[in-house]
N, C-alpha and C. Protein backbone atom coordinates (compact mmCIF):
# COMPACT_ATOMS: atom_id res chain seq x y z
N MET A 1 -71.63 136.70 -15.89
CA MET A 1 -71.20 136.63 -16.59
C MET A 1 -70.54 135.14 -16.99
N ILE A 2 -70.60 135.06 -18.61
CA ILE A 2 -70.22 133.61 -19.28
C ILE A 2 -69.24 133.92 -20.33
N LEU A 3 -68.12 133.06 -20.23
CA LEU A 3 -67.10 132.82 -21.23
C LEU A 3 -67.04 131.89 -22.23
N TYR A 4 -67.65 131.84 -23.83
CA TYR A 4 -67.46 131.04 -24.06
C TYR A 4 -66.29 130.25 -24.80
N SER A 5 -65.32 129.51 -24.85
CA SER A 5 -64.13 129.18 -25.31
C SER A 5 -63.74 128.03 -26.04
N ASP A 6 -62.88 127.62 -26.02
CA ASP A 6 -62.72 125.74 -26.57
C ASP A 6 -61.06 126.11 -26.75
N ASP A 7 -60.85 124.92 -25.73
CA ASP A 7 -59.13 124.71 -24.61
C ASP A 7 -58.42 124.38 -25.62
N ARG A 8 -58.41 124.48 -26.95
CA ARG A 8 -57.48 124.09 -28.20
C ARG A 8 -57.50 125.00 -29.38
N ALA A 9 -57.44 126.24 -29.16
CA ALA A 9 -57.85 127.33 -29.70
C ALA A 9 -57.08 128.45 -29.39
N PRO A 10 -56.17 129.18 -30.03
CA PRO A 10 -55.33 130.28 -29.52
C PRO A 10 -55.66 131.64 -28.93
N ASN A 11 -56.72 131.90 -29.65
CA ASN A 11 -57.36 133.44 -28.84
C ASN A 11 -57.76 133.02 -27.52
N PRO A 12 -58.75 131.96 -27.56
CA PRO A 12 -59.70 131.96 -25.98
C PRO A 12 -58.34 131.26 -25.06
N ARG A 13 -57.67 130.79 -25.07
CA ARG A 13 -56.22 130.73 -24.75
C ARG A 13 -55.65 132.09 -24.22
N ARG A 14 -55.66 133.14 -24.92
CA ARG A 14 -55.30 134.16 -24.63
C ARG A 14 -55.53 134.86 -23.46
N VAL A 15 -57.06 134.58 -23.78
CA VAL A 15 -57.86 135.10 -22.67
C VAL A 15 -57.87 134.75 -21.50
N ARG A 16 -57.90 132.86 -21.23
CA ARG A 16 -57.91 132.55 -20.18
C ARG A 16 -56.29 132.66 -19.42
N ILE A 17 -55.42 132.54 -20.07
CA ILE A 17 -54.31 132.91 -19.52
C ILE A 17 -53.94 134.29 -19.19
N PHE A 18 -54.70 135.70 -19.71
CA PHE A 18 -54.95 137.06 -19.07
C PHE A 18 -55.79 136.82 -18.16
N LEU A 19 -57.09 136.04 -17.15
CA LEU A 19 -57.54 136.08 -16.23
C LEU A 19 -56.88 135.07 -15.47
N ALA A 20 -55.92 134.20 -15.36
CA ALA A 20 -55.47 133.57 -14.75
C ALA A 20 -54.20 134.24 -14.27
N GLU A 21 -53.79 135.31 -15.01
CA GLU A 21 -52.73 136.27 -14.20
C GLU A 21 -53.30 137.25 -13.41
N LYS A 22 -54.52 137.67 -13.61
CA LYS A 22 -55.33 138.64 -12.69
C LYS A 22 -55.97 137.92 -11.32
N GLY A 23 -56.14 136.66 -11.33
CA GLY A 23 -56.65 136.04 -10.40
C GLY A 23 -58.20 135.74 -10.31
N ILE A 24 -58.74 136.28 -11.79
CA ILE A 24 -60.14 136.28 -12.37
C ILE A 24 -60.91 134.96 -12.47
N GLU A 25 -61.80 134.25 -11.88
CA GLU A 25 -62.39 133.15 -11.90
C GLU A 25 -63.71 133.79 -13.12
N VAL A 26 -63.94 132.92 -14.14
CA VAL A 26 -65.48 133.30 -14.41
C VAL A 26 -65.74 131.90 -15.27
N GLU A 27 -67.02 131.65 -15.29
CA GLU A 27 -68.08 130.48 -15.69
C GLU A 27 -67.60 130.16 -17.06
N THR A 28 -67.06 129.07 -17.49
CA THR A 28 -66.78 129.16 -19.07
C THR A 28 -67.15 127.73 -19.38
N ARG A 29 -68.04 128.19 -20.62
CA ARG A 29 -68.86 127.05 -21.48
C ARG A 29 -67.95 126.95 -22.53
N THR A 30 -67.91 125.64 -22.70
CA THR A 30 -67.15 124.89 -23.73
C THR A 30 -68.10 125.01 -24.96
N VAL A 31 -67.26 125.66 -26.14
CA VAL A 31 -67.76 125.34 -27.51
C VAL A 31 -66.63 124.99 -28.63
N ASP A 32 -67.41 123.61 -28.72
CA ASP A 32 -66.21 122.72 -29.91
C ASP A 32 -66.17 123.14 -31.20
N ILE A 33 -64.97 123.54 -31.43
CA ILE A 33 -64.98 123.68 -33.10
C ILE A 33 -64.81 123.40 -33.81
N LEU A 34 -64.42 121.88 -33.30
CA LEU A 34 -63.97 120.69 -34.21
C LEU A 34 -65.15 119.86 -34.75
N LYS A 35 -66.57 120.45 -34.09
CA LYS A 35 -67.67 119.57 -33.94
C LYS A 35 -68.83 120.67 -34.27
N ASP A 36 -68.03 121.61 -34.80
CA ASP A 36 -69.01 123.19 -35.49
C ASP A 36 -69.92 123.49 -34.84
N GLU A 37 -69.64 123.20 -33.29
CA GLU A 37 -70.64 124.05 -32.61
C GLU A 37 -70.82 125.59 -32.23
N HIS A 38 -69.30 126.04 -32.88
CA HIS A 38 -69.43 127.41 -32.96
C HIS A 38 -70.51 128.20 -34.33
N LYS A 39 -70.61 127.16 -35.65
CA LYS A 39 -71.85 127.39 -36.78
C LYS A 39 -73.17 127.16 -35.88
N SER A 40 -73.36 126.94 -35.00
CA SER A 40 -74.74 126.62 -34.62
C SER A 40 -75.79 127.86 -34.32
N PRO A 41 -76.92 127.78 -34.99
CA PRO A 41 -77.87 128.93 -34.85
C PRO A 41 -77.51 129.45 -33.34
N GLU A 42 -77.97 128.87 -32.50
CA GLU A 42 -77.44 129.55 -31.45
C GLU A 42 -76.51 129.97 -31.11
N PHE A 43 -75.17 129.56 -31.24
CA PHE A 43 -74.01 130.24 -30.77
C PHE A 43 -74.11 131.41 -31.99
N ALA A 44 -74.97 131.29 -32.80
CA ALA A 44 -74.52 132.44 -34.05
C ALA A 44 -75.05 134.04 -33.36
N LYS A 45 -76.09 133.16 -32.87
CA LYS A 45 -76.97 134.91 -31.94
C LYS A 45 -75.92 135.13 -31.01
N LEU A 46 -74.86 134.96 -30.54
CA LEU A 46 -74.06 135.67 -29.81
C LEU A 46 -72.62 136.18 -30.32
N SER A 47 -72.39 135.20 -31.76
CA SER A 47 -71.25 135.65 -32.31
C SER A 47 -71.92 135.39 -33.80
N PRO A 48 -71.86 136.13 -34.77
CA PRO A 48 -72.62 136.33 -35.64
C PRO A 48 -71.27 135.70 -37.13
N LEU A 49 -70.01 136.25 -36.18
CA LEU A 49 -68.97 135.75 -37.26
C LEU A 49 -68.45 134.18 -36.86
N HIS A 50 -68.82 133.52 -35.73
CA HIS A 50 -68.97 132.28 -35.36
C HIS A 50 -67.60 132.25 -35.16
N ARG A 51 -67.26 133.21 -33.98
CA ARG A 51 -66.00 133.26 -33.60
C ARG A 51 -65.73 132.87 -31.94
N LEU A 52 -64.45 132.59 -31.64
CA LEU A 52 -64.31 133.00 -30.07
C LEU A 52 -63.12 133.48 -29.78
N PRO A 53 -63.00 133.48 -28.61
CA PRO A 53 -63.76 133.81 -27.68
C PRO A 53 -64.66 134.81 -27.61
N VAL A 54 -65.87 134.32 -26.56
CA VAL A 54 -67.18 135.58 -26.88
C VAL A 54 -67.58 135.53 -24.99
N LEU A 55 -67.56 136.51 -24.34
CA LEU A 55 -67.94 136.96 -23.49
C LEU A 55 -68.97 137.72 -23.23
N GLN A 56 -70.57 136.94 -22.19
CA GLN A 56 -71.47 137.72 -22.27
C GLN A 56 -71.77 138.13 -20.75
N LEU A 57 -71.88 139.17 -20.79
CA LEU A 57 -72.08 139.80 -19.47
C LEU A 57 -73.70 139.28 -18.91
N ASP A 58 -73.62 139.91 -17.48
CA ASP A 58 -74.82 139.46 -16.96
C ASP A 58 -76.07 140.26 -17.45
N ASP A 59 -75.40 141.53 -18.16
CA ASP A 59 -77.02 142.45 -18.63
C ASP A 59 -76.99 142.04 -20.34
N GLY A 60 -76.20 141.17 -20.41
CA GLY A 60 -76.77 140.58 -22.20
C GLY A 60 -75.93 141.02 -23.06
N THR A 61 -75.07 142.11 -22.64
CA THR A 61 -73.94 142.51 -23.37
C THR A 61 -73.24 141.72 -23.92
N VAL A 62 -72.82 141.22 -25.43
CA VAL A 62 -71.67 140.48 -25.82
C VAL A 62 -70.29 141.17 -25.91
N ILE A 63 -69.31 140.73 -26.10
CA ILE A 63 -68.06 140.98 -26.28
C ILE A 63 -67.33 140.22 -26.85
N ALA A 64 -66.90 140.25 -28.24
CA ALA A 64 -66.12 139.23 -29.09
C ALA A 64 -64.81 140.17 -29.24
N GLU A 65 -63.85 139.40 -29.36
CA GLU A 65 -62.62 139.66 -30.03
C GLU A 65 -61.59 139.57 -28.21
N SER A 66 -60.45 138.82 -28.82
CA SER A 66 -59.65 138.23 -26.87
C SER A 66 -59.38 139.82 -26.75
N VAL A 67 -58.80 140.57 -27.59
CA VAL A 67 -57.99 141.35 -27.08
C VAL A 67 -59.09 142.52 -26.09
N ALA A 68 -60.28 142.81 -26.88
CA ALA A 68 -61.65 143.15 -26.35
C ALA A 68 -62.13 142.97 -24.69
N ILE A 69 -62.01 141.53 -24.91
CA ILE A 69 -62.65 140.68 -23.61
C ILE A 69 -61.21 140.94 -22.40
N CYS A 70 -60.31 141.40 -23.08
CA CYS A 70 -59.21 141.42 -22.15
C CYS A 70 -59.12 143.19 -21.76
N ARG A 71 -59.28 143.30 -22.32
CA ARG A 71 -59.77 145.34 -22.14
C ARG A 71 -60.42 145.60 -20.83
N TYR A 72 -61.96 144.61 -21.02
CA TYR A 72 -62.89 144.82 -20.48
C TYR A 72 -62.17 144.43 -18.92
N PHE A 73 -61.41 143.21 -18.64
CA PHE A 73 -61.20 142.79 -16.98
C PHE A 73 -60.23 143.43 -16.87
N GLU A 74 -59.25 144.38 -18.36
CA GLU A 74 -58.11 145.35 -17.54
C GLU A 74 -58.82 145.98 -16.68
N GLU A 75 -59.84 146.65 -17.24
CA GLU A 75 -60.15 147.93 -16.74
C GLU A 75 -61.18 147.53 -15.57
N LEU A 76 -61.82 146.31 -15.44
CA LEU A 76 -62.41 146.16 -14.24
C LEU A 76 -61.50 145.72 -13.06
N ASN A 77 -60.10 144.84 -13.31
CA ASN A 77 -59.30 144.38 -12.67
C ASN A 77 -58.14 144.98 -12.81
N PRO A 78 -57.48 146.66 -12.51
CA PRO A 78 -56.47 146.83 -13.17
C PRO A 78 -55.15 146.40 -12.49
N GLU A 79 -54.79 146.01 -11.26
CA GLU A 79 -54.04 144.81 -10.91
C GLU A 79 -53.62 143.81 -11.33
N PRO A 80 -53.01 142.81 -11.16
CA PRO A 80 -51.41 143.38 -12.09
C PRO A 80 -51.91 144.07 -13.47
N PRO A 81 -50.91 145.29 -13.61
CA PRO A 81 -51.31 145.71 -15.28
C PRO A 81 -50.96 145.03 -15.79
N LEU A 82 -51.48 144.54 -17.30
CA LEU A 82 -50.72 143.20 -18.44
C LEU A 82 -50.95 144.31 -19.66
N MET A 83 -51.64 145.35 -19.37
CA MET A 83 -51.71 146.25 -21.02
C MET A 83 -51.25 147.46 -20.49
N GLY A 84 -50.43 147.72 -19.65
CA GLY A 84 -49.34 148.78 -19.73
C GLY A 84 -50.07 149.63 -18.40
N LYS A 85 -48.86 150.38 -17.90
CA LYS A 85 -49.16 151.10 -16.50
C LYS A 85 -49.52 152.38 -16.54
N ASP A 86 -48.89 153.38 -17.65
CA ASP A 86 -49.08 154.48 -17.78
C ASP A 86 -49.98 154.98 -19.53
N ARG A 87 -49.89 156.13 -19.52
CA ARG A 87 -49.99 156.27 -20.81
C ARG A 87 -49.05 155.95 -22.11
N MET A 88 -47.67 156.44 -21.62
CA MET A 88 -46.79 156.03 -22.92
C MET A 88 -46.72 154.15 -22.68
N ASP A 89 -46.91 153.82 -21.47
CA ASP A 89 -46.35 152.10 -21.75
C ASP A 89 -47.36 151.61 -22.25
N LYS A 90 -48.98 151.73 -21.97
CA LYS A 90 -50.08 151.78 -22.56
C LYS A 90 -49.74 151.64 -23.86
N VAL A 91 -49.20 152.65 -24.65
CA VAL A 91 -49.04 152.82 -26.00
C VAL A 91 -48.18 151.79 -26.89
N MET A 92 -47.48 151.41 -25.84
CA MET A 92 -46.09 150.29 -26.29
C MET A 92 -46.44 149.21 -26.18
N VAL A 93 -47.53 148.97 -25.51
CA VAL A 93 -48.16 147.82 -24.79
C VAL A 93 -48.31 147.49 -26.13
N GLU A 94 -49.30 148.26 -26.47
CA GLU A 94 -50.20 148.20 -27.77
C GLU A 94 -49.62 147.69 -29.32
N MET A 95 -48.76 148.73 -28.99
CA MET A 95 -47.65 148.26 -30.06
C MET A 95 -47.50 147.15 -30.59
N TRP A 96 -46.70 146.66 -29.48
CA TRP A 96 -45.56 145.41 -29.19
C TRP A 96 -47.08 143.78 -29.32
N GLN A 97 -48.10 144.46 -29.03
CA GLN A 97 -48.95 143.23 -28.82
C GLN A 97 -49.89 142.89 -30.40
N ARG A 98 -50.20 144.31 -31.25
CA ARG A 98 -50.88 144.43 -32.33
C ARG A 98 -49.08 143.53 -33.92
N GLN A 99 -48.05 143.94 -33.45
CA GLN A 99 -46.98 143.08 -33.72
C GLN A 99 -46.83 141.62 -34.18
N VAL A 100 -46.89 141.16 -32.46
CA VAL A 100 -46.91 140.11 -32.54
C VAL A 100 -48.34 139.58 -32.91
N GLU A 101 -49.09 139.87 -32.72
CA GLU A 101 -50.53 139.33 -33.79
C GLU A 101 -50.34 139.18 -35.26
N PHE A 102 -50.17 140.39 -35.61
CA PHE A 102 -49.71 140.63 -37.17
C PHE A 102 -48.34 139.21 -37.46
N ASN A 103 -47.28 139.48 -37.10
CA ASN A 103 -46.38 139.03 -37.43
C ASN A 103 -45.93 137.64 -37.07
N LEU A 104 -46.56 137.00 -35.88
CA LEU A 104 -46.42 135.73 -35.40
C LEU A 104 -47.70 134.91 -35.32
N LEU A 105 -48.72 135.61 -34.56
CA LEU A 105 -49.81 134.45 -34.33
C LEU A 105 -50.27 134.18 -35.73
N TRP A 106 -50.41 135.28 -36.66
CA TRP A 106 -51.44 135.46 -38.04
C TRP A 106 -50.48 134.22 -38.41
N GLN A 107 -49.33 134.05 -38.85
CA GLN A 107 -48.55 133.05 -39.57
C GLN A 107 -48.68 131.78 -39.42
N ALA A 108 -48.72 131.74 -37.58
CA ALA A 108 -48.88 130.09 -37.36
C ALA A 108 -50.49 129.69 -37.27
N ALA A 109 -51.27 130.62 -37.47
CA ALA A 109 -52.56 130.27 -38.26
C ALA A 109 -52.73 129.98 -39.21
N HIS A 110 -51.97 130.79 -40.14
CA HIS A 110 -51.98 130.24 -41.49
C HIS A 110 -51.39 128.70 -41.81
N VAL A 111 -50.18 128.13 -41.25
CA VAL A 111 -49.73 127.39 -40.92
C VAL A 111 -50.65 125.82 -40.51
N MET A 112 -51.01 126.68 -39.05
CA MET A 112 -52.23 125.48 -38.58
C MET A 112 -53.43 124.88 -39.59
N ARG A 113 -54.20 125.62 -39.95
CA ARG A 113 -55.22 125.83 -40.37
C ARG A 113 -55.01 125.53 -41.89
N HIS A 114 -54.17 125.47 -42.98
CA HIS A 114 -53.80 124.92 -43.94
C HIS A 114 -53.33 123.94 -44.00
N LEU A 115 -52.41 123.42 -42.98
CA LEU A 115 -51.73 122.33 -43.35
C LEU A 115 -51.90 121.30 -42.25
N ILE A 116 -52.76 121.05 -41.33
CA ILE A 116 -53.37 120.19 -40.47
C ILE A 116 -54.75 119.17 -41.12
N PRO A 117 -54.92 118.45 -41.45
CA PRO A 117 -56.09 117.90 -41.99
C PRO A 117 -56.99 117.71 -41.25
N ALA A 118 -57.21 117.74 -39.69
CA ALA A 118 -58.36 117.80 -38.96
C ALA A 118 -58.89 119.19 -39.09
N LEU A 119 -58.57 120.10 -39.40
CA LEU A 119 -59.08 121.83 -39.22
C LEU A 119 -59.51 121.60 -40.64
N ALA A 120 -59.70 120.99 -41.99
CA ALA A 120 -60.14 121.15 -43.00
C ALA A 120 -61.69 121.68 -42.74
N SER A 121 -62.78 121.57 -41.78
CA SER A 121 -64.16 122.08 -41.09
C SER A 121 -63.89 123.66 -41.15
N ILE A 122 -62.60 124.13 -40.91
CA ILE A 122 -62.63 125.58 -39.98
C ILE A 122 -62.05 126.36 -41.38
N GLU A 123 -60.81 125.49 -42.43
CA GLU A 123 -60.38 126.74 -43.15
C GLU A 123 -60.87 125.41 -44.43
N ASN A 124 -61.50 126.18 -45.08
CA ASN A 124 -62.35 125.49 -46.12
C ASN A 124 -62.27 126.44 -47.15
N PRO A 125 -61.57 126.87 -48.40
CA PRO A 125 -60.82 125.22 -48.90
C PRO A 125 -59.66 125.42 -47.99
N GLN A 126 -59.00 124.59 -47.82
CA GLN A 126 -57.18 124.54 -47.02
C GLN A 126 -56.01 124.88 -48.25
N VAL A 127 -55.54 125.19 -48.16
CA VAL A 127 -54.63 125.51 -49.27
C VAL A 127 -53.10 125.15 -48.77
N PRO A 128 -53.04 123.91 -48.75
CA PRO A 128 -51.15 123.38 -48.42
C PRO A 128 -50.09 124.01 -48.48
N GLU A 129 -50.42 125.16 -49.72
CA GLU A 129 -48.93 125.86 -50.30
C GLU A 129 -48.25 127.21 -49.35
N TRP A 130 -50.28 127.73 -49.19
CA TRP A 130 -50.23 128.54 -48.25
C TRP A 130 -49.65 128.41 -47.03
N GLY A 131 -50.18 127.31 -46.36
CA GLY A 131 -49.59 126.75 -45.08
C GLY A 131 -47.79 126.76 -45.13
N LYS A 132 -47.83 126.03 -46.07
CA LYS A 132 -46.04 126.15 -46.34
C LYS A 132 -45.44 127.39 -46.71
N ALA A 133 -45.90 128.08 -47.19
CA ALA A 133 -45.41 129.56 -47.41
C ALA A 133 -45.44 130.56 -45.83
N ASN A 134 -45.66 130.23 -44.90
CA ASN A 134 -45.80 130.87 -43.53
C ASN A 134 -44.72 130.08 -42.90
N ILE A 135 -44.32 129.11 -43.07
CA ILE A 135 -43.36 128.87 -41.88
C ILE A 135 -41.70 129.59 -42.55
N PRO A 136 -41.64 130.17 -43.28
CA PRO A 136 -40.75 130.68 -43.26
C PRO A 136 -40.64 131.99 -42.46
N ARG A 137 -42.34 132.25 -43.14
CA ARG A 137 -42.03 133.77 -42.45
C ARG A 137 -42.49 133.36 -40.74
N LEU A 138 -42.72 132.56 -40.43
CA LEU A 138 -42.51 132.10 -38.91
C LEU A 138 -41.12 132.37 -38.33
N HIS A 139 -40.63 131.74 -39.07
CA HIS A 139 -39.21 131.38 -38.89
C HIS A 139 -38.12 133.07 -38.74
N ARG A 140 -39.08 134.08 -39.68
CA ARG A 140 -38.11 135.42 -39.41
C ARG A 140 -38.75 136.31 -38.10
N ALA A 141 -40.06 135.45 -37.96
CA ALA A 141 -40.69 136.45 -37.00
C ALA A 141 -39.83 135.93 -35.72
N TYR A 142 -39.40 134.85 -35.55
CA TYR A 142 -38.87 133.96 -34.44
C TYR A 142 -37.28 134.65 -34.56
N HIS A 143 -36.93 134.82 -35.59
CA HIS A 143 -35.66 135.58 -35.57
C HIS A 143 -35.73 137.23 -35.06
N TRP A 144 -37.09 138.22 -35.39
CA TRP A 144 -37.10 139.21 -34.83
C TRP A 144 -37.03 139.32 -33.42
N LEU A 145 -38.17 138.28 -33.17
CA LEU A 145 -37.87 138.24 -31.65
C LEU A 145 -37.24 137.68 -30.90
N ASP A 146 -35.82 137.25 -31.22
CA ASP A 146 -34.76 136.89 -30.68
C ASP A 146 -34.17 138.34 -30.13
N ASP A 147 -33.96 139.04 -31.58
CA ASP A 147 -33.13 139.89 -31.57
C ASP A 147 -33.49 141.38 -30.94
N VAL A 148 -34.93 141.06 -30.22
CA VAL A 148 -35.97 141.97 -29.29
C VAL A 148 -35.17 141.49 -27.84
N LEU A 149 -35.83 140.51 -27.91
CA LEU A 149 -35.56 139.83 -26.51
C LEU A 149 -34.21 139.77 -26.17
N ALA A 150 -32.73 139.91 -26.86
CA ALA A 150 -31.72 140.36 -26.63
C ALA A 150 -31.70 141.60 -25.68
N GLU A 151 -32.55 142.57 -25.98
CA GLU A 151 -32.56 143.81 -25.16
C GLU A 151 -33.16 143.95 -23.73
N GLN A 152 -34.27 143.13 -23.89
CA GLN A 152 -35.18 143.15 -22.88
C GLN A 152 -35.57 142.11 -22.23
N PRO A 153 -36.40 141.96 -20.74
CA PRO A 153 -37.07 140.72 -20.33
C PRO A 153 -37.81 139.90 -20.86
N TYR A 154 -38.82 141.22 -21.64
CA TYR A 154 -39.90 140.70 -21.98
C TYR A 154 -40.75 141.42 -23.81
N ILE A 155 -41.90 141.32 -24.14
CA ILE A 155 -41.31 141.63 -25.57
C ILE A 155 -41.69 143.11 -25.38
N ALA A 156 -42.68 143.56 -24.52
CA ALA A 156 -42.83 144.76 -24.57
C ALA A 156 -41.95 145.44 -23.58
N GLY A 157 -40.67 145.04 -23.12
CA GLY A 157 -39.82 145.42 -22.11
C GLY A 157 -39.76 144.63 -20.86
N ASP A 158 -39.71 145.45 -19.64
CA ASP A 158 -39.44 144.94 -18.13
C ASP A 158 -40.45 144.11 -17.87
N ASP A 159 -41.47 144.40 -18.28
CA ASP A 159 -42.60 143.65 -17.89
C ASP A 159 -43.53 142.53 -18.76
N PHE A 160 -43.96 141.52 -17.91
CA PHE A 160 -45.12 140.65 -18.09
C PHE A 160 -46.14 141.47 -18.59
N THR A 161 -46.11 141.10 -20.32
CA THR A 161 -48.22 141.98 -20.72
C THR A 161 -49.01 140.71 -21.41
N ILE A 162 -49.27 141.60 -22.38
CA ILE A 162 -50.63 140.92 -22.84
C ILE A 162 -49.62 140.11 -24.30
N ALA A 163 -48.69 140.95 -24.53
CA ALA A 163 -47.62 141.25 -26.01
C ALA A 163 -47.41 139.63 -25.66
N ASP A 164 -46.62 139.12 -24.29
CA ASP A 164 -46.49 137.69 -23.94
C ASP A 164 -47.15 136.70 -24.17
N ILE A 165 -48.57 136.92 -23.79
CA ILE A 165 -49.29 135.95 -23.58
C ILE A 165 -49.91 135.59 -25.14
N THR A 166 -49.23 136.24 -25.89
CA THR A 166 -50.19 136.60 -27.69
C THR A 166 -49.24 136.06 -28.34
N ALA A 167 -47.93 135.90 -27.67
CA ALA A 167 -46.68 135.25 -28.51
C ALA A 167 -46.45 134.25 -27.82
N LEU A 168 -47.08 133.40 -26.67
CA LEU A 168 -46.66 132.24 -25.87
C LEU A 168 -47.90 131.49 -26.82
N CYS A 169 -49.22 131.70 -27.16
CA CYS A 169 -49.77 130.80 -27.60
C CYS A 169 -49.87 130.99 -28.73
N ALA A 170 -49.14 131.37 -30.01
CA ALA A 170 -48.75 131.75 -31.15
C ALA A 170 -47.67 130.28 -31.51
N VAL A 171 -46.15 130.70 -30.65
CA VAL A 171 -45.15 129.72 -30.45
C VAL A 171 -45.96 128.49 -30.28
N ASP A 172 -46.64 128.27 -29.12
CA ASP A 172 -47.36 127.17 -29.11
C ASP A 172 -48.11 126.68 -30.08
N PHE A 173 -49.02 127.40 -30.79
CA PHE A 173 -49.83 126.83 -32.02
C PHE A 173 -48.97 125.98 -33.10
N ALA A 174 -48.37 126.86 -33.46
CA ALA A 174 -47.21 126.63 -34.32
C ALA A 174 -46.24 125.13 -33.73
N ARG A 175 -46.11 125.10 -33.18
CA ARG A 175 -45.33 123.50 -32.16
C ARG A 175 -46.60 122.18 -32.80
N PHE A 176 -47.57 122.57 -32.83
CA PHE A 176 -48.73 121.86 -33.24
C PHE A 176 -47.99 121.41 -34.64
N ALA A 177 -47.94 122.30 -35.47
CA ALA A 177 -47.25 121.82 -36.98
C ALA A 177 -46.09 121.50 -37.03
N LYS A 178 -45.33 121.16 -35.77
CA LYS A 178 -44.43 120.66 -36.32
C LYS A 178 -43.10 122.12 -35.95
N VAL A 179 -43.66 123.47 -35.95
CA VAL A 179 -42.52 124.77 -36.46
C VAL A 179 -41.84 124.86 -34.90
N GLU A 180 -40.65 124.46 -34.75
CA GLU A 180 -40.04 125.03 -33.51
C GLU A 180 -39.46 126.13 -33.62
N ILE A 181 -38.61 126.73 -32.12
CA ILE A 181 -38.43 127.60 -32.00
C ILE A 181 -36.91 127.24 -32.64
N ALA A 182 -35.71 127.70 -33.39
CA ALA A 182 -34.38 127.27 -33.78
C ALA A 182 -33.74 127.09 -32.45
N PRO A 183 -32.59 126.06 -32.31
CA PRO A 183 -31.90 126.20 -31.20
C PRO A 183 -30.89 127.69 -31.05
N GLU A 184 -30.78 128.01 -31.83
CA GLU A 184 -29.69 129.30 -32.41
C GLU A 184 -30.00 130.63 -31.49
N ARG A 185 -31.70 130.54 -31.28
CA ARG A 185 -32.86 131.66 -31.07
C ARG A 185 -32.88 131.72 -29.54
N GLU A 186 -31.73 131.53 -28.91
CA GLU A 186 -31.05 131.62 -27.32
C GLU A 186 -32.28 132.33 -26.47
N HIS A 187 -31.76 133.83 -27.29
CA HIS A 187 -33.18 134.63 -26.04
C HIS A 187 -34.62 134.45 -26.31
N LEU A 188 -34.93 134.28 -27.11
CA LEU A 188 -36.54 133.48 -27.35
C LEU A 188 -36.34 132.21 -26.79
N LYS A 189 -35.70 131.63 -27.07
CA LYS A 189 -35.97 130.49 -26.11
C LYS A 189 -35.81 130.10 -24.74
N ARG A 190 -35.12 131.20 -24.28
CA ARG A 190 -35.08 131.53 -22.51
C ARG A 190 -36.07 132.03 -22.22
N TRP A 191 -36.89 133.58 -22.96
CA TRP A 191 -38.16 133.97 -22.80
C TRP A 191 -39.11 132.86 -22.83
N TYR A 192 -38.87 131.87 -23.79
CA TYR A 192 -40.31 130.59 -23.73
C TYR A 192 -39.93 129.77 -22.83
N ASP A 193 -39.26 129.84 -22.22
CA ASP A 193 -38.85 128.80 -21.26
C ASP A 193 -39.51 129.18 -19.18
N GLU A 194 -39.37 130.58 -19.84
CA GLU A 194 -40.11 131.33 -18.60
C GLU A 194 -41.25 131.65 -18.74
N ILE A 195 -41.57 131.83 -19.61
CA ILE A 195 -43.13 132.11 -20.09
C ILE A 195 -44.04 130.82 -19.73
N SER A 196 -43.39 129.90 -20.22
CA SER A 196 -44.27 128.69 -20.31
C SER A 196 -44.10 127.96 -18.84
N SER A 197 -43.19 128.31 -17.80
CA SER A 197 -43.31 127.64 -16.98
C SER A 197 -44.25 128.76 -15.93
N ARG A 198 -44.93 129.97 -15.94
CA ARG A 198 -45.61 130.64 -15.25
C ARG A 198 -47.18 129.98 -15.32
N PRO A 199 -47.95 129.71 -13.97
CA PRO A 199 -48.87 128.79 -13.81
C PRO A 199 -49.90 129.39 -14.40
N SER A 200 -49.82 130.44 -15.15
CA SER A 200 -50.98 130.65 -16.02
C SER A 200 -50.92 130.05 -17.04
N ALA A 201 -49.38 129.38 -17.81
CA ALA A 201 -49.46 128.83 -19.24
C ALA A 201 -50.37 127.77 -19.33
N LYS A 202 -50.78 127.02 -18.15
CA LYS A 202 -51.46 125.99 -17.68
C LYS A 202 -52.80 126.26 -17.92
N ALA A 203 -52.77 127.56 -18.36
CA ALA A 203 -54.81 127.91 -18.32
C ALA A 203 -55.48 127.41 -19.42
């Protein structure tokens, strides 16, 4: 199988961290989005929406979307469980993962894609006002997660999961646009320092 990825984008990074936590090695091919390689006719055969990451299995099956790819590897290698251990745990991990995706990762993406000139070819047209409008939304999400993490060690509860992976990628993506965790968010800062120190965070 082959994983098509770009080291700078948050969604491919989610998959790389997931694989690192599982101890799974997969052949990876870089598709440089800043060079518009994701828009090439060849890549469009794999991903008509021109998005990364994409996993191509040995039988030719193509899996797009980072969480779907993670689900494939979770089913293939259940240990350590990163998407829940039992029925209710899986439900809760899915809930937190989606909430982090919609309320944190998307806001970070809007800030980056609309405020960073180098990403103009990816987000066309760029609307700087929309990027700026998402900065306070990011800070509200940080406040929300700080309250969550005051009660539990990880975003979905007692265990490290894909929800933490998504949140880490979102926070790091926002940092490229100079949006940092405020000092008073001590619980979120504690979580971030811990998650960032995991070996998988370097994947």
